[in-house]
C-alpha atoms as a PDB file:
ATOM      1  CA  MET A   1       0.040   0.187   0.143  1.00  0.00           C
ATOM      2  CA  SER A   2       1.295   3.570  -0.622  1.00  0.00           C
ATOM      3  CA  THR A   3       2.811   5.506   2.095  1.00  0.00           C
ATOM      4  CA  TRP A   4       2.718   8.758   0.376  1.00  0.00           C
ATOM      5  CA  GLU A   5       1.248  10.373   3.489  1.00  0.00           C
ATOM      6  CA  THR A   6       4.679   9.829   5.330  1.00  0.00           C
ATOM      7  CA  GLN A   7       8.143  11.799   4.931  1.00  0.00           C
ATOM      8  CA  PRO A   8      10.559   9.173   4.360  1.00  0.00           C
ATOM      9  CA  ALA A   9      14.468   9.725   4.233  1.00  0.00           C
ATOM     10  CA  GLU A  10      15.758  10.431   1.013  1.00  0.00           C
ATOM     11  CA  LYS A  11      16.704   7.013  -1.046  1.00  0.00           C
ATOM     12  CA  LEU A  12      20.107   7.170  -2.692  1.00  0.00           C
ATOM     13  CA  PRO A  13      19.779   6.104  -6.446  1.00  0.00           C
ATOM     14  CA  ALA A  14      22.318   3.245  -7.546  1.00  0.00           C
ATOM     15  CA  ARG A  15      24.442   3.728 -10.665  1.00  0.00           C
ATOM     16  CA  VAL A  16      23.670   0.895 -13.145  1.00  0.00           C
ATOM     17  CA  ALA A  17      25.270  -0.107 -16.557  1.00  0.00           C
ATOM     18  CA  GLY A  18      23.810   1.500 -19.663  1.00  0.00           C
ATOM     19  CA  GLY A  19      22.764  -2.081 -20.855  1.00  0.00           C
ATOM     20  CA  ARG A  20      20.426  -2.434 -17.986  1.00  0.00           C
ATOM     21  CA  GLY A  21      17.833  -0.416 -19.940  1.00  0.00           C
ATOM     22  CA  TRP A  22      17.481  -3.352 -22.176  1.00  0.00           C
ATOM     23  CA  ARG A  23      16.894  -5.383 -18.890  1.00  0.00           C
ATOM     24  CA  TRP A  24      14.300  -3.042 -17.873  1.00  0.00           C
ATOM     25  CA  LEU A  25      12.199  -3.845 -21.130  1.00  0.00           C
ATOM     26  CA  VAL A  26      12.909  -7.658 -20.897  1.00  0.00           C
ATOM     27  CA  GLU A  27      11.303  -7.859 -17.530  1.00  0.00           C
ATOM     28  CA  ALA A  28       8.579  -5.523 -18.386  1.00  0.00           C
ATOM     29  CA  PHE A  29       7.642  -7.902 -21.296  1.00  0.00           C
ATOM     30  CA  TRP A  30       7.944 -11.039 -18.794  1.00  0.00           C
ATOM     31  CA  LEU A  31       5.487  -9.374 -16.275  1.00  0.00           C
ATOM     32  CA  VAL A  32       2.948  -8.082 -18.861  1.00  0.00           C
ATOM     33  CA  ARG A  33       3.108 -11.593 -20.479  1.00  0.00           C
ATOM     34  CA  LYS A  34       2.151 -13.216 -17.132  1.00  0.00           C
ATOM     35  CA  GLN A  35      -1.272 -11.492 -17.161  1.00  0.00           C
ATOM     36  CA  PRO A  36      -1.863 -10.288 -20.593  1.00  0.00           C
ATOM     37  CA  LEU A  37      -5.526  -9.957 -20.546  1.00  0.00           C
ATOM     38  CA  SER A  38      -5.299  -7.794 -17.563  1.00  0.00           C
ATOM     39  CA  TRP A  39      -2.716  -5.403 -18.789  1.00  0.00           C
ATOM     40  CA  VAL A  40      -4.717  -5.198 -22.106  1.00  0.00           C
ATOM     41  CA  ALA A  41      -7.971  -4.532 -20.605  1.00  0.00           C
ATOM     42  CA  MET A  42      -6.299  -1.732 -18.380  1.00  0.00           C
ATOM     43  CA  ALA A  43      -4.764   0.095 -21.346  1.00  0.00           C
ATOM     44  CA  ALA A  44      -7.997  -0.403 -23.438  1.00  0.00           C
ATOM     45  CA  GLY A  45      -9.649   1.368 -20.433  1.00  0.00           C
ATOM     46  CA  TYR A  46      -6.967   4.156 -19.985  1.00  0.00           C
ATOM     47  CA  LEU A  47      -7.117   5.035 -23.765  1.00  0.00           C
ATOM     48  CA  LEU A  48     -10.936   5.163 -23.749  1.00  0.00           C
ATOM     49  CA  ILE A  49     -10.865   7.430 -20.840  1.00  0.00           C
ATOM     50  CA  HIS A  50      -8.350   9.815 -22.322  1.00  0.00           C
ATOM     51  CA  PHE A  51     -10.212   9.697 -25.611  1.00  0.00           C
ATOM     52  CA  LEU A  52     -13.562  10.896 -23.924  1.00  0.00           C
ATOM     53  CA  VAL A  53     -11.769  13.311 -21.745  1.00  0.00           C
ATOM     54  CA  ALA A  54      -9.639  14.877 -24.551  1.00  0.00           C
ATOM     55  CA  ARG A  55     -12.952  15.629 -26.185  1.00  0.00           C
ATOM     56  CA  ILE A  56     -14.169  17.790 -23.499  1.00  0.00           C
ATOM     57  CA  PRO A  57     -14.124  21.453 -25.021  1.00  0.00           C
ATOM     58  CA  MET A  58     -11.424  23.879 -23.571  1.00  0.00           C
ATOM     59  CA  VAL A  59     -10.362  21.814 -20.551  1.00  0.00           C
ATOM     60  CA  GLY A  60     -10.026  18.248 -21.899  1.00  0.00           C
ATOM     61  CA  ALA A  61      -6.326  18.726 -23.221  1.00  0.00           C
ATOM     62  CA  PRO A  62      -4.883  19.915 -19.844  1.00  0.00           C
ATOM     63  CA  LEU A  63      -7.024  17.004 -17.804  1.00  0.00           C
ATOM     64  CA  THR A  64      -5.529  14.551 -19.880  1.00  0.00           C
ATOM     65  CA  PHE A  65      -2.138  16.058 -19.043  1.00  0.00           C
ATOM     66  CA  PHE A  66      -2.741  16.102 -15.356  1.00  0.00           C
ATOM     67  CA  MET A  67      -4.200  12.887 -15.387  1.00  0.00           C
ATOM     68  CA  ALA A  68      -1.456  11.032 -16.965  1.00  0.00           C
ATOM     69  CA  PRO A  69       1.042  10.850 -13.839  1.00  0.00           C
ATOM     70  CA  VAL A  70      -2.218   9.685 -11.747  1.00  0.00           C
ATOM     71  CA  PHE A  71      -2.888   6.755 -14.204  1.00  0.00           C
ATOM     72  CA  ALA A  72       1.041   5.797 -14.324  1.00  0.00           C
ATOM     73  CA  GLY A  73       0.810   5.704 -10.721  1.00  0.00           C
ATOM     74  CA  GLY A  74      -1.875   3.147 -10.912  1.00  0.00           C
ATOM     75  CA  PHE A  75      -0.027   1.061 -13.505  1.00  0.00           C
ATOM     76  CA  VAL A  76       3.187   1.270 -11.402  1.00  0.00           C
ATOM     77  CA  LEU A  77       1.119  -0.016  -8.360  1.00  0.00           C
ATOM     78  CA  GLN A  78      -0.295  -2.851 -10.526  1.00  0.00           C
ATOM     79  CA  ALA A  79       3.236  -3.724 -11.510  1.00  0.00           C
ATOM     80  CA  ASP A  80       4.454  -4.064  -7.982  1.00  0.00           C
ATOM     81  CA  ARG A  81       1.608  -6.459  -7.404  1.00  0.00           C
ATOM     82  CA  ALA A  82       2.578  -8.379 -10.715  1.00  0.00           C
ATOM     83  CA  ALA A  83       6.249  -8.645  -9.303  1.00  0.00           C
ATOM     84  CA  ARG A  84       4.836  -9.934  -6.077  1.00  0.00           C
ATOM     85  CA  GLY A  85       3.331 -12.512  -7.745  1.00  0.00           C
ATOM     86  CA  GLU A  86      -0.429 -11.178  -7.106  1.00  0.00           C
ATOM     87  CA  THR A  87      -3.110 -10.770  -9.521  1.00  0.00           C
ATOM     88  CA  VAL A  88      -3.328  -7.546 -11.612  1.00  0.00           C
ATOM     89  CA  LYS A  89      -6.912  -6.134 -11.324  1.00  0.00           C
ATOM     90  CA  MET A  90      -8.148  -3.698 -14.096  1.00  0.00           C
ATOM     91  CA  ALA A  91      -9.561  -1.523 -11.212  1.00  0.00           C
ATOM     92  CA  GLY A  92      -6.126  -1.353  -9.985  1.00  0.00           C
ATOM     93  CA  MET A  93      -5.648   1.441 -12.774  1.00  0.00           C
ATOM     94  CA  PHE A  94      -7.410   3.881 -10.417  1.00  0.00           C
ATOM     95  CA  ASP A  95      -5.304   2.985  -7.327  1.00  0.00           C
ATOM     96  CA  GLY A  96      -3.363   6.379  -8.234  1.00  0.00           C
ATOM     97  CA  PHE A  97      -6.604   8.245  -7.627  1.00  0.00           C
ATOM     98  CA  ARG A  98      -7.443   6.625  -4.432  1.00  0.00           C
ATOM     99  CA  LEU A  99      -4.244   6.330  -2.649  1.00  0.00           C
ATOM    100  CA  ALA A 100      -2.044   9.407  -4.172  1.00  0.00           C
ATOM    101  CA  LEU A 101      -4.188  11.687  -6.040  1.00  0.00           C
ATOM    102  CA  ARG A 102      -2.762  14.920  -4.526  1.00  0.00           C
ATOM    103  CA  PRO A 103       1.009  14.318  -4.946  1.00  0.00           C
ATOM    104  CA  LEU A 104       0.642  13.007  -8.440  1.00  0.00           C
ATOM    105  CA  LEU A 105      -1.570  15.715  -9.436  1.00  0.00           C
ATOM    106  CA  ASN A 106       1.575  17.920  -8.087  1.00  0.00           C
ATOM    107  CA  VAL A 107       3.809  16.117 -10.383  1.00  0.00           C
ATOM    108  CA  GLY A 108       1.871  16.653 -13.583  1.00  0.00           C
ATOM    109  CA  MET A 109       1.733  20.618 -12.440  1.00  0.00           C
ATOM    110  CA  LEU A 110       5.690  20.680 -11.648  1.00  0.00           C
ATOM    111  CA  TYR A 111       6.052  18.681 -14.784  1.00  0.00           C
ATOM    112  CA  LEU A 112       3.948  21.654 -16.964  1.00  0.00           C
ATOM    113  CA  GLY A 113       5.944  24.146 -15.214  1.00  0.00           C
ATOM    114  CA  LEU A 114       9.493  22.935 -15.965  1.00  0.00           C
ATOM    115  CA  MET A 115       7.980  22.136 -19.749  1.00  0.00           C
ATOM    116  CA  MET A 116       6.875  25.963 -19.962  1.00  0.00           C
ATOM    117  CA  LEU A 117      10.531  27.041 -18.212  1.00  0.00           C
ATOM    118  CA  ALA A 118      12.223  25.043 -21.040  1.00  0.00           C
ATOM    119  CA  MET A 119      10.310  26.741 -23.529  1.00  0.00           C
ATOM    120  CA  LEU A 120      11.405  30.013 -22.194  1.00  0.00           C
ATOM    121  CA  VAL A 121      15.168  28.715 -22.308  1.00  0.00           C
ATOM    122  CA  LEU A 122      14.970  27.345 -25.888  1.00  0.00           C
ATOM    123  CA  GLY A 123      13.729  30.720 -26.857  1.00  0.00           C
ATOM    124  CA  VAL A 124      16.771  32.345 -25.080  1.00  0.00           C
ATOM    125  CA  ILE A 125      18.935  30.109 -26.688  1.00  0.00           C
ATOM    126  CA  GLY A 126      17.492  30.355 -30.043  1.00  0.00           C
ATOM    127  CA  GLY A 127      17.783  33.875 -30.217  1.00  0.00           C
ATOM    128  CA  ALA A 128      21.544  33.595 -29.083  1.00  0.00           C
ATOM    129  CA  MET A 129      22.174  31.234 -31.757  1.00  0.00           C
ATOM    130  CA  GLY A 130      20.853  33.259 -34.513  1.00  0.00           C
ATOM    131  CA  ILE A 131      17.547  31.386 -34.935  1.00  0.00           C
ATOM    132  CA  THR A 132      15.173  32.928 -37.203  1.00  0.00           C
ATOM    133  CA  VAL A 133      11.510  32.516 -38.187  1.00  0.00           C
ATOM    134  CA  GLN A 134      11.326  32.990 -42.039  1.00  0.00           C
ATOM    135  CA  GLY A 135       7.623  33.202 -42.374  1.00  0.00           C
ATOM    136  CA  GLU A 136       5.284  30.708 -44.203  1.00  0.00           C
ATOM    137  CA  GLY A 137       6.942  28.692 -46.730  1.00  0.00           C
ATOM    138  CA  GLY A 138       6.712  24.930 -45.822  1.00  0.00           C
ATOM    139  CA  PRO A 139       4.654  22.398 -47.404  1.00  0.00           C
ATOM    140  CA  GLU A 140       1.981  22.684 -44.780  1.00  0.00           C
ATOM    141  CA  GLY A 141       2.399  26.430 -44.604  1.00  0.00           C
ATOM    142  CA  LEU A 142       4.240  26.270 -41.407  1.00  0.00           C
ATOM    143  CA  PRO A 143       6.933  28.664 -40.290  1.00  0.00           C
ATOM    144  CA  GLN A 144      10.411  27.769 -41.506  1.00  0.00           C
ATOM    145  CA  LEU A 145      13.397  28.449 -39.224  1.00  0.00           C
ATOM    146  CA  GLY A 146      16.768  29.817 -40.358  1.00  0.00           C
ATOM    147  CA  GLY A 147      20.295  29.726 -39.007  1.00  0.00           C
ATOM    148  CA  PRO A 148      22.025  26.797 -37.193  1.00  0.00           C
ATOM    149  CA  VAL A 149      18.761  24.669 -37.201  1.00  0.00           C
ATOM    150  CA  LEU A 150      20.595  21.318 -36.614  1.00  0.00           C
ATOM    151  CA  ALA A 151      22.496  22.422 -33.675  1.00  0.00           C
ATOM    152  CA  PHE A 152      19.221  23.849 -32.303  1.00  0.00           C
ATOM    153  CA  MET A 153      17.561  20.610 -32.605  1.00  0.00           C
ATOM    154  CA  LEU A 154      20.455  18.954 -31.008  1.00  0.00           C
ATOM    155  CA  VAL A 155      20.125  21.288 -27.850  1.00  0.00           C
ATOM    156  CA  THR A 156      16.251  21.042 -27.966  1.00  0.00           C
ATOM    157  CA  GLY A 157      16.528  17.443 -27.628  1.00  0.00           C
ATOM    158  CA  ALA A 158      19.027  17.443 -25.058  1.00  0.00           C
ATOM    159  CA  LEU A 159      17.004  19.656 -22.782  1.00  0.00           C
ATOM    160  CA  MET A 160      13.940  17.627 -23.385  1.00  0.00           C
ATOM    161  CA  PHE A 161      15.402  14.308 -22.431  1.00  0.00           C
ATOM    162  CA  VAL A 162      16.721  16.125 -19.452  1.00  0.00           C
ATOM    163  CA  LEU A 163      13.113  17.212 -18.757  1.00  0.00           C
ATOM    164  CA  SER A 164      11.968  13.839 -19.267  1.00  0.00           C
ATOM    165  CA  LEU A 165      14.302  12.491 -16.276  1.00  0.00           C
ATOM    166  CA  CYS A 166      12.260  14.503 -13.780  1.00  0.00           C
ATOM    167  CA  TYR A 167       9.297  12.689 -14.788  1.00  0.00           C
ATOM    168  CA  TRP A 168      10.447   9.082 -15.497  1.00  0.00           C
ATOM    169  CA  PHE A 169      11.037   7.529 -11.858  1.00  0.00           C
ATOM    170  CA  ALA A 170       8.529  10.186 -10.295  1.00  0.00           C
ATOM    171  CA  PRO A 171       5.112   8.337 -10.140  1.00  0.00           C
ATOM    172  CA  ALA A 172       6.774   5.191  -8.878  1.00  0.00           C
ATOM    173  CA  LEU A 173       8.824   7.254  -5.962  1.00  0.00           C
ATOM    174  CA  VAL A 174       5.483   9.091  -5.007  1.00  0.00           C
ATOM    175  CA  THR A 175       3.155   5.590  -4.961  1.00  0.00           C
ATOM    176  CA  LEU A 176       5.902   3.142  -3.771  1.00  0.00           C
ATOM    177  CA  ASP A 177       8.270   5.280  -1.935  1.00  0.00           C
ATOM    178  CA  GLY A 178       5.673   7.750  -0.525  1.00  0.00           C
ATOM    179  CA  MET A 179       7.435  10.520  -1.434  1.00  0.00           C
ATOM    180  CA  GLY A 180       6.139  14.217  -2.180  1.00  0.00           C
ATOM    181  CA  ALA A 181       5.955  15.645  -5.549  1.00  0.00           C
ATOM    182  CA  TRP A 182       8.790  17.772  -5.437  1.00  0.00           C
ATOM    183  CA  GLU A 183      11.084  15.502  -3.462  1.00  0.00           C
ATOM    184  CA  ALA A 184      10.021  12.689  -6.354  1.00  0.00           C
ATOM    185  CA  VAL A 185      10.737  15.076  -9.285  1.00  0.00           C
ATOM    186  CA  ARG A 186      14.052  15.959  -7.979  1.00  0.00           C
ATOM    187  CA  LEU A 187      14.971  12.600  -7.097  1.00  0.00           C
ATOM    188  CA  SER A 188      14.298  11.151 -10.382  1.00  0.00           C
ATOM    189  CA  LEU A 189      16.104  13.849 -12.261  1.00  0.00           C
ATOM    190  CA  LYS A 190      19.046  12.685 -10.007  1.00  0.00           C
ATOM    191  CA  ALA A 191      18.772   9.260 -10.718  1.00  0.00           C
ATOM    192  CA  GLY A 192      18.171  10.016 -14.326  1.00  0.00           C
ATOM    193  CA  LEU A 193      21.332  12.048 -14.551  1.00  0.00           C
ATOM    194  CA  VAL A 194      23.098   9.146 -12.823  1.00  0.00           C
ATOM    195  CA  ASN A 195      21.869   6.380 -15.236  1.00  0.00           C
ATOM    196  CA  TRP A 196      21.167   8.269 -18.351  1.00  0.00           C
ATOM    197  CA  ARG A 197      22.364   5.682 -20.686  1.00  0.00           C
ATOM    198  CA  ALA A 198      20.062   3.125 -19.503  1.00  0.00           C
ATOM    199  CA  VAL A 199      17.120   5.647 -19.472  1.00  0.00           C
ATOM    200  CA  LEU A 200      18.128   6.539 -22.879  1.00  0.00           C
ATOM    201  CA  PHE A 201      18.528   3.162 -24.258  1.00  0.00           C
ATOM    202  CA  SER A 202      15.230   2.225 -23.068  1.00  0.00           C
ATOM    203  CA  GLY A 203      13.387   5.457 -24.174  1.00  0.00           C
ATOM    204  CA  LEU A 204      14.938   4.846 -27.713  1.00  0.00           C
ATOM    205  CA  MET A 205      13.594   1.230 -27.568  1.00  0.00           C
ATOM    206  CA  LEU A 206      10.216   2.274 -26.408  1.00  0.00           C
ATOM    207  CA  SER A 207      10.252   4.841 -29.160  1.00  0.00           C
ATOM    208  CA  LEU A 208      10.830   2.165 -32.009  1.00  0.00           C
ATOM    209  CA  MET A 209       8.183   0.117 -30.364  1.00  0.00           C
ATOM    210  CA  LEU A 210       5.670   2.766 -30.474  1.00  0.00           C
ATOM    211  CA  PHE A 211       6.327   3.158 -33.975  1.00  0.00           C
ATOM    212  CA  LEU A 212       5.747  -0.495 -34.502  1.00  0.00           C
ATOM    213  CA  ALA A 213       2.870  -0.331 -32.346  1.00  0.00           C
ATOM    214  CA  LEU A 214       1.145   2.239 -34.418  1.00  0.00           C
ATOM    215  CA  LEU A 215       1.374   0.193 -37.637  1.00  0.00           C
ATOM    216  CA  PRO A 216      -1.700  -2.596 -37.189  1.00  0.00           C
ATOM    217  CA  LEU A 217      -4.340   0.556 -37.082  1.00  0.00           C
ATOM    218  CA  GLY A 218      -2.493   1.247 -33.359  1.00  0.00           C
ATOM    219  CA  LEU A 219      -4.029  -1.861 -31.836  1.00  0.00           C
ATOM    220  CA  GLY A 220      -0.440  -2.431 -30.747  1.00  0.00           C
ATOM    221  CA  LEU A 221      -0.883   0.389 -28.098  1.00  0.00           C
ATOM    222  CA  LEU A 222      -2.880  -2.016 -26.107  1.00  0.00           C
ATOM    223  CA  LEU A 223       0.815  -3.722 -25.349  1.00  0.00           C
ATOM    224  CA  TRP A 224       2.762  -0.898 -25.787  1.00  0.00           C
ATOM    225  CA  PHE A 225       1.085   1.204 -23.050  1.00  0.00           C
ATOM    226  CA  PRO A 226       1.558  -1.340 -20.187  1.00  0.00           C
ATOM    227  CA  VAL A 227       5.064  -2.320 -21.117  1.00  0.00           C
ATOM    228  CA  LEU A 228       5.651   1.845 -21.112  1.00  0.00           C
ATOM    229  CA  TYR A 229       4.398   1.920 -17.277  1.00  0.00           C
ATOM    230  CA  VAL A 230       6.030  -1.477 -16.284  1.00  0.00           C
ATOM    231  CA  THR A 231       9.383  -0.473 -17.671  1.00  0.00           C
ATOM    232  CA  ALA A 232       9.375   2.662 -15.323  1.00  0.00           C
ATOM    233  CA  PHE A 233       8.673   0.422 -12.666  1.00  0.00           C
ATOM    234  CA  THR A 234      11.422  -2.206 -13.306  1.00  0.00           C
ATOM    235  CA  GLY A 235      13.953   0.643 -13.732  1.00  0.00           C
ATOM    236  CA  TRP A 236      12.705   2.262 -10.531  1.00  0.00           C
ATOM    237  CA  ARG A 237      13.039  -1.110  -8.869  1.00  0.00           C
ATOM    238  CA  ASP A 238      16.655  -1.747 -10.282  1.00  0.00           C
ATOM    239  CA  VAL A 239      17.706   1.882  -9.541  1.00  0.00           C
ATOM    240  CA  PHE A 240      16.153   2.286  -6.007  1.00  0.00           C
ATOM    241  CA  GLY A 241      15.623  -0.965  -4.673  1.00  0.00           C
ATOM    242  CA  GLY A 242      18.204  -3.071  -6.076  1.00  0.00           C
ATOM    243  CA  GLN A 243      15.903  -6.187  -6.649  1.00  0.00           C
ATOM    244  CA  PRO A 244      15.627  -6.913 -10.495  1.00  0.00           C
ATOM    245  CA  VAL A 245      12.538  -8.698 -11.358  1.00  0.00           C
ATOM    246  CA  LEU A 246      14.549 -11.359 -12.920  1.00  0.00           C
ATOM    247  CA  PRO A 247      17.837 -12.059 -10.987  1.00  0.00           C
ATOM    248  CA  GLU A 248      19.134 -14.450 -13.356  1.00  0.00           C
ATOM    249  CA  LEU A 249      19.153 -11.812 -16.300  1.00  0.00           C
ATOM    250  CA  VAL A 250      22.389 -10.079 -16.060  1.00  0.00           C
ATOM    251  CA  VAL A 251      23.110  -7.436 -18.498  1.00  0.00           C
ATOM    252  CA  ASP A 252      26.164  -5.140 -17.903  1.00  0.00           C
END
């Protein structure tokens, strides 16, 4: 059960090899494969709720953004149950709402604030690099950028990756370690920077899997979403718990 109401001492993240990012994925697939119907049902329910909420005028898009970490917390809690050999329940996707709604919503608000700050920083960097907007002229009528665009894209990618590190472990740190939102975001960033190679590797593989999941009419998303959230759990367990789901699988 979540202990987010308490104020535990800060955990120190372990430094793991970059290849462990692959192990996180393998362990996630292993957990999902043990109870595939339950995970697919959870993913279908989440996608349906996301679609319906997103269609609400004006407030739909912001609501889906803030709800994302709350659902992530529910998936992480179910992954923890699966790792302990317990049954995954579809209703468990709402455990984040039931056990840690406030701190998970705060994670979403903090992440949004950091994204807005990152946009401001990129604007300043773009100006310093001489990036200019050359009006409408693209195939879709979109503004075209002038200047060292490739260098700016690399800077943007690096900043977005660092920003993603603030979120990667945060739902698990809130729901499984009982941390507050700011503490979880800060420690997630710290753990991500220490293990950036493993996180980057698993992130790139998940991106490739997302492309493949979208090919068969998007049906692959029903498996991709559980693997995404469970990978965040297996990564948390490796970095903060020191207890891999599959101890016999060694990747250095």
